[in-house]
Amino acid sequence: MIKTALIGLGRIGWNFHLPQIRAHEGFSLCAVVDTDAARRQEAFELCGAIGYDDYREMLRREQPDLVVIASPTTFHEEQAVASLRAGADV
């Protein structure tokens, strides 16, 4: 199983990336990251993924194999570099 984390539960993250991760065998959604606590809770109830409001904390605690980034574009570079440095594919 590929231990997967999703950063960003907005329109694209919630409507495209989350269902795609869940639909493919071999991917295990371990964590989601979003600033909206209600959306994090909704993701937990839907698929059991642990919710974080800080992607750095998620990287330290979960150590995912893969990070899917669906946050606003201005955050992509910072989050991608941090994820790669933490040993995850992006």
Protein backbone atom coordinates (compact mmCIF):
# COMPACT_ATOMS: atom_id res chain seq x y z
CA MET A 1 0.00 0.00 0.00
CA ILE A 2 1.16 3.50 -0.81
CA LYS A 3 0.67 5.62 2.31
CA THR A 4 -0.87 8.79 0.85
CA ALA A 5 -1.62 12.24 2.27
CA LEU A 6 -3.73 14.93 0.63
CA ILE A 7 -3.03 18.62 1.25
CA GLY A 8 -6.04 20.78 0.44
CA LEU A 9 -9.70 19.81 0.68
CA GLY A 10 -11.16 22.57 -1.45
CA ARG A 11 -12.99 22.06 -4.73
CA ILE A 12 -10.26 20.13 -6.56
CA GLY A 13 -8.99 18.22 -3.53
CA TRP A 14 -12.45 17.21 -2.34
CA ASN A 15 -14.17 16.58 -5.69
CA PHE A 16 -11.31 15.06 -7.69
CA HIS A 17 -8.23 13.98 -5.76
CA LEU A 18 -9.91 12.47 -2.69
CA PRO A 19 -12.28 10.23 -4.72
CA GLN A 20 -9.44 9.17 -7.03
CA ILE A 21 -7.17 8.18 -4.15
CA ARG A 22 -9.99 6.21 -2.54
CA ALA A 23 -10.98 4.53 -5.82
CA HIS A 24 -7.58 3.00 -6.58
CA GLU A 25 -6.40 -0.11 -4.80
CA GLY A 26 -2.89 0.19 -3.53
CA PHE A 27 -3.36 3.69 -2.10
CA SER A 28 -4.08 4.15 1.58
CA LEU A 29 -5.20 7.66 2.55
CA CYS A 30 -3.52 8.20 5.91
CA ALA A 31 -4.01 11.95 6.35
CA VAL A 32 -5.58 15.12 5.00
CA VAL A 33 -4.54 18.72 5.58
CA ASP A 34 -6.84 21.72 5.48
CA THR A 35 -7.46 24.88 7.48
CA ASP A 36 -11.20 24.08 7.69
CA ALA A 37 -11.82 21.91 10.77
CA ALA A 38 -15.29 20.90 9.57
CA ARG A 39 -13.88 19.64 6.26
CA ARG A 40 -11.15 17.70 8.09
CA GLN A 41 -13.82 16.07 10.25
CA GLU A 42 -15.92 15.26 7.19
CA ALA A 43 -12.91 13.55 5.58
CA PHE A 44 -12.30 11.55 8.76
CA GLU A 45 -15.92 10.40 8.83
CA LEU A 46 -15.83 9.53 5.12
CA CYS A 47 -12.58 7.59 4.98
CA GLY A 48 -10.88 7.58 8.38
CA ALA A 49 -8.03 9.86 7.33
CA ILE A 50 -6.48 11.82 10.20
CA GLY A 51 -6.91 15.57 9.73
CA TYR A 52 -4.24 18.22 10.26
CA ASP A 53 -4.27 21.99 9.91
CA ASP A 54 -0.47 22.11 9.45
CA TYR A 55 1.17 20.09 6.68
CA ARG A 56 4.54 20.14 8.47
CA GLU A 57 3.07 18.41 11.48
CA MET A 58 1.41 15.87 9.20
CA LEU A 59 4.71 15.12 7.46
CA ARG A 60 6.47 14.57 10.81
CA ARG A 61 3.77 12.38 12.31
CA GLU A 62 2.52 10.39 9.32
CA GLN A 63 5.65 10.06 7.16
CA PRO A 64 3.62 9.44 3.98
CA ASP A 65 5.06 7.77 0.88
CA LEU A 66 3.10 10.12 -1.40
CA VAL A 67 1.73 13.64 -0.93
CA VAL A 68 -0.94 14.96 -3.28
CA ILE A 69 -1.03 18.76 -3.25
CA ALA A 70 -4.37 20.43 -3.97
CA SER A 71 -3.90 23.58 -1.91
CA PRO A 72 -3.97 27.07 -3.45
CA THR A 73 -1.23 27.42 -6.05
CA THR A 74 0.80 29.94 -4.03
CA PHE A 75 1.56 27.19 -1.47
CA HIS A 76 2.56 24.45 -3.92
CA GLU A 77 6.29 25.10 -4.04
CA GLU A 78 6.75 25.31 -0.27
CA GLN A 79 4.62 22.22 0.38
CA ALA A 80 6.22 20.21 -2.43
CA VAL A 81 9.77 20.97 -1.30
CA ALA A 82 8.94 20.14 2.33
CA SER A 83 7.26 16.89 1.28
CA LEU A 84 10.22 15.86 -0.86
CA ARG A 85 12.64 16.70 1.95
CA ALA A 86 10.53 14.53 4.26
CA GLY A 87 11.06 11.62 1.87
CA ALA A 88 7.68 11.57 0.13
CA ASP A 89 6.97 11.52 -3.56
CA VAL A 90 4.80 14.42 -4.75
